[in-house]
Amino acid sequence: MYRLVSRTPIGIRFGDYVFSAPVPQGRFTLPPRSAGVYVVLMPDPSWGPWHLQPLFFGEFGAQQETQMTAAQQMSCLKVAAGRTLFFAVYAVPQSHGWAISQIKKELIRSYRPISNLESIDAAAELANRLYSLEKKMIEHDTALVLALAAIGQMVQPQPEPRKRIVGFRPDPAGSRSTRAEKSKSSS
């Protein structure tokens, strides 16, 4: 009986690159005497088909250490929030070792993993966004102050016009006859 064998490599795909099957952090080791790109993953049901979201893409090689900083490691752990981290590797043939950085940059551009975005470029982009938000807030505050001032003008009570007294006045102090009498008595 013939067995049906799939020609699709078993592993997780990012872009045009098929990485190894993800393994939990505790069982992960980099392949000896090889170079390539690795990915740090966390469980996320909104990602498919593996339900693993990439948090960080890094590169490794026979002569170099992994390039994950302590800040990036902490970022991965914070985002994972106690969930198990997984790792997968894409080994690059020695003849294509120059392409490792290009592959990593391409994957970062495509998937925008949060721990890779901790770089200077991401900080500058975040600063620009923050500046534009602050500018919009100042514009909104100014518009709000103007609107409240206009409403205040409309709501202020208008001064009441002075009322004239109609009818007989008991005190004739303001009448013309008393003024005339006062002027005669003073002469």
Protein backbone atom coordinates (compact mmCIF):
# COMPACT_ATOMS: atom_id res chain seq x y z
CA MET A 1 0.00 0.00 0.00
CA TYR A 2 1.27 3.44 -0.90
CA ARG A 3 1.64 5.95 1.84
CA LEU A 4 0.68 9.52 1.04
CA VAL A 5 3.62 11.74 1.90
CA SER A 6 3.32 15.49 1.85
CA ARG A 7 6.05 17.41 0.11
CA THR A 8 5.31 20.48 2.21
CA PRO A 9 7.98 20.90 4.85
CA ILE A 10 6.71 20.73 8.40
CA GLY A 11 7.25 24.06 10.08
CA ILE A 12 5.88 27.52 10.44
CA ARG A 13 5.93 29.87 7.46
CA PHE A 14 6.67 33.58 7.56
CA GLY A 15 6.66 35.19 4.14
CA ASP A 16 8.56 32.98 1.70
CA TYR A 17 10.55 31.29 4.47
CA VAL A 18 9.66 28.05 6.21
CA PHE A 19 11.01 27.98 9.76
CA SER A 20 11.39 24.87 11.90
CA ALA A 21 8.46 23.67 13.96
CA PRO A 22 8.08 25.94 17.02
CA VAL A 23 9.44 24.53 20.28
CA PRO A 24 8.92 25.85 23.83
CA GLN A 25 11.60 28.13 25.21
CA GLY A 26 12.89 25.53 27.68
CA ARG A 27 13.68 22.99 24.93
CA PHE A 28 15.11 25.44 22.37
CA THR A 29 18.74 25.39 21.28
CA LEU A 30 20.29 27.00 18.22
CA PRO A 31 21.66 24.57 15.65
CA PRO A 32 25.45 24.26 15.97
CA ARG A 33 27.71 25.61 13.21
CA SER A 34 24.90 27.25 11.29
CA ALA A 35 23.55 30.70 10.62
CA GLY A 36 20.08 32.03 10.03
CA VAL A 37 17.08 33.83 11.44
CA TYR A 38 15.13 32.87 14.55
CA VAL A 39 11.71 34.00 15.70
CA VAL A 40 10.27 34.32 19.21
CA LEU A 41 6.56 33.44 19.27
CA MET A 42 3.72 33.58 21.76
CA PRO A 43 0.34 31.82 21.68
CA ASP A 44 -2.37 33.96 20.09
CA PRO A 45 -5.64 32.46 18.79
CA SER A 46 -6.10 35.31 16.30
CA TRP A 47 -3.04 34.18 14.32
CA GLY A 48 -3.26 31.17 12.09
CA PRO A 49 -2.80 28.43 11.21
CA TRP A 50 -0.34 27.88 14.07
CA HIS A 51 -1.99 30.34 16.50
CA LEU A 52 1.42 31.81 17.31
CA GLN A 53 2.20 35.51 16.97
CA PRO A 54 5.78 36.61 16.19
CA LEU A 55 7.24 38.88 18.86
CA PHE A 56 10.84 39.16 17.67
CA PHE A 57 12.95 38.22 14.65
CA GLY A 58 16.69 37.89 15.28
CA GLU A 59 19.71 36.50 13.52
CA PHE A 60 22.33 34.05 14.66
CA GLY A 61 25.52 32.71 13.19
CA ALA A 62 28.52 30.51 13.87
CA GLN A 63 30.74 33.49 14.72
CA GLN A 64 28.18 35.83 16.29
CA GLU A 65 25.97 35.85 19.34
CA THR A 66 22.26 36.35 19.13
CA GLN A 67 21.35 40.01 18.87
CA MET A 68 18.47 40.15 21.34
CA THR A 69 18.98 42.86 23.96
CA ALA A 70 17.75 42.66 27.54
CA ALA A 71 15.10 45.29 26.74
CA GLN A 72 13.81 43.19 23.84
CA GLN A 73 13.75 40.08 26.03
CA MET A 74 11.78 41.95 28.69
CA SER A 75 9.41 43.23 26.02
CA CYS A 76 8.74 39.67 24.83
CA LEU A 77 8.11 38.51 28.39
CA LYS A 78 5.79 41.44 29.14
CA VAL A 79 3.74 40.92 25.98
CA ALA A 80 3.54 37.16 26.59
CA ALA A 81 2.17 37.90 30.08
CA GLY A 82 3.05 34.52 31.53
CA ARG A 83 2.29 32.47 28.43
CA THR A 84 4.95 30.10 27.15
CA LEU A 85 7.31 31.53 24.55
CA PHE A 86 8.17 29.44 21.50
CA PHE A 87 11.14 29.61 19.15
CA ALA A 88 11.57 28.60 15.52
CA VAL A 89 14.63 28.77 13.27
CA TYR A 90 15.20 29.38 9.57
CA ALA A 91 18.69 28.12 8.72
CA VAL A 92 20.37 29.88 5.81
CA PRO A 93 22.92 27.97 3.72
CA GLN A 94 26.51 29.13 4.30
CA SER A 95 26.73 30.39 0.72
CA HIS A 96 23.83 32.76 1.42
CA GLY A 97 25.06 34.06 4.78
CA TRP A 98 25.03 37.64 3.45
CA ALA A 99 21.23 37.44 3.07
CA ILE A 100 20.45 36.88 6.76
CA SER A 101 20.10 40.59 7.58
CA GLN A 102 17.98 41.15 4.49
CA ILE A 103 15.64 38.29 5.41
CA LYS A 104 15.32 39.59 8.96
CA LYS A 105 14.53 43.15 7.77
CA GLU A 106 11.98 41.84 5.29
CA LEU A 107 10.21 39.80 7.98
CA ILE A 108 10.21 42.74 10.41
CA ARG A 109 8.70 45.00 7.74
CA SER A 110 6.03 42.42 6.91
CA TYR A 111 5.00 41.29 10.40
CA ARG A 112 6.00 44.29 12.60
CA PRO A 113 6.73 42.24 15.74
CA ILE A 114 6.44 44.36 18.85
CA SER A 115 9.86 43.61 20.32
CA ASN A 116 11.66 44.53 17.10
CA LEU A 117 9.82 47.84 17.05
CA GLU A 118 11.68 48.90 20.18
CA SER A 119 14.41 50.19 17.86
CA ILE A 120 15.32 53.81 17.26
CA ASP A 121 13.23 53.98 14.08
CA ALA A 122 10.14 52.92 15.99
CA ALA A 123 10.91 55.40 18.77
CA ALA A 124 11.17 58.23 16.22
CA GLU A 125 7.90 57.16 14.61
CA LEU A 126 6.25 57.04 18.02
CA ALA A 127 7.62 60.49 18.87
CA ASN A 128 6.16 61.87 15.63
CA ARG A 129 2.77 60.34 16.40
CA LEU A 130 2.87 61.71 19.93
CA TYR A 131 3.78 65.18 18.64
CA SER A 132 0.88 65.16 16.16
CA LEU A 133 -1.53 64.00 18.89
CA GLU A 134 -0.34 66.76 21.23
CA LYS A 135 -0.79 69.31 18.44
CA LYS A 136 -4.34 68.08 17.81
CA MET A 137 -5.11 68.23 21.53
CA ILE A 138 -3.92 71.86 21.71
CA GLU A 139 -6.07 72.73 18.69
CA HIS A 140 -9.09 71.02 20.29
CA ASP A 141 -8.46 72.78 23.61
CA THR A 142 -8.31 76.16 21.86
CA ALA A 143 -11.52 75.46 19.96
CA LEU A 144 -13.19 74.34 23.19
CA VAL A 145 -12.13 77.53 25.03
CA LEU A 146 -13.49 79.67 22.17
CA ALA A 147 -16.77 77.75 22.14
CA LEU A 148 -17.16 78.07 25.90
CA ALA A 149 -16.42 81.81 25.72
CA ALA A 150 -19.08 82.24 23.03
CA ILE A 151 -21.59 80.29 25.10
CA GLY A 152 -20.67 82.40 28.13
CA GLN A 153 -21.39 85.59 26.18
CA MET A 154 -24.78 84.28 25.15
CA VAL A 155 -25.71 83.13 28.64
CA GLN A 156 -24.62 86.24 30.58
CA PRO A 157 -27.60 88.18 31.93
CA GLN A 158 -28.20 91.44 30.09
CA PRO A 159 -28.32 94.54 32.30
CA GLU A 160 -31.91 95.49 33.03
CA PRO A 161 -32.98 98.89 31.74
CA ARG A 162 -33.84 101.39 34.43
CA LYS A 163 -37.53 101.40 35.13
CA ARG A 164 -39.48 104.63 35.19
CA ILE A 165 -41.86 105.04 38.04
CA VAL A 166 -45.34 105.67 36.81
CA GLY A 167 -47.93 107.50 38.88
CA PHE A 168 -47.90 109.73 41.97
CA ARG A 169 -44.65 110.08 43.90
CA PRO A 170 -44.97 110.54 47.63
CA ASP A 171 -41.65 112.37 47.90
CA PRO A 172 -41.57 115.41 45.67
CA ALA A 173 -37.82 115.93 46.22
CA GLY A 174 -37.08 115.55 42.56
CA SER A 175 -39.87 117.84 41.36
CA ARG A 176 -39.30 121.23 39.75
CA SER A 177 -41.41 123.20 42.19
CA THR A 178 -39.29 122.27 45.19
CA ARG A 179 -36.11 123.24 43.38
CA ALA A 180 -37.55 126.61 42.52
CA GLU A 181 -38.62 127.15 46.16
CA LYS A 182 -35.12 126.27 47.41
CA SER A 183 -33.52 128.75 45.08
CA LYS A 184 -35.88 131.55 46.24
CA SER A 185 -35.25 130.88 49.91
CA SER A 186 -31.50 130.99 49.48
CA SER A 187 -31.59 134.47 47.90
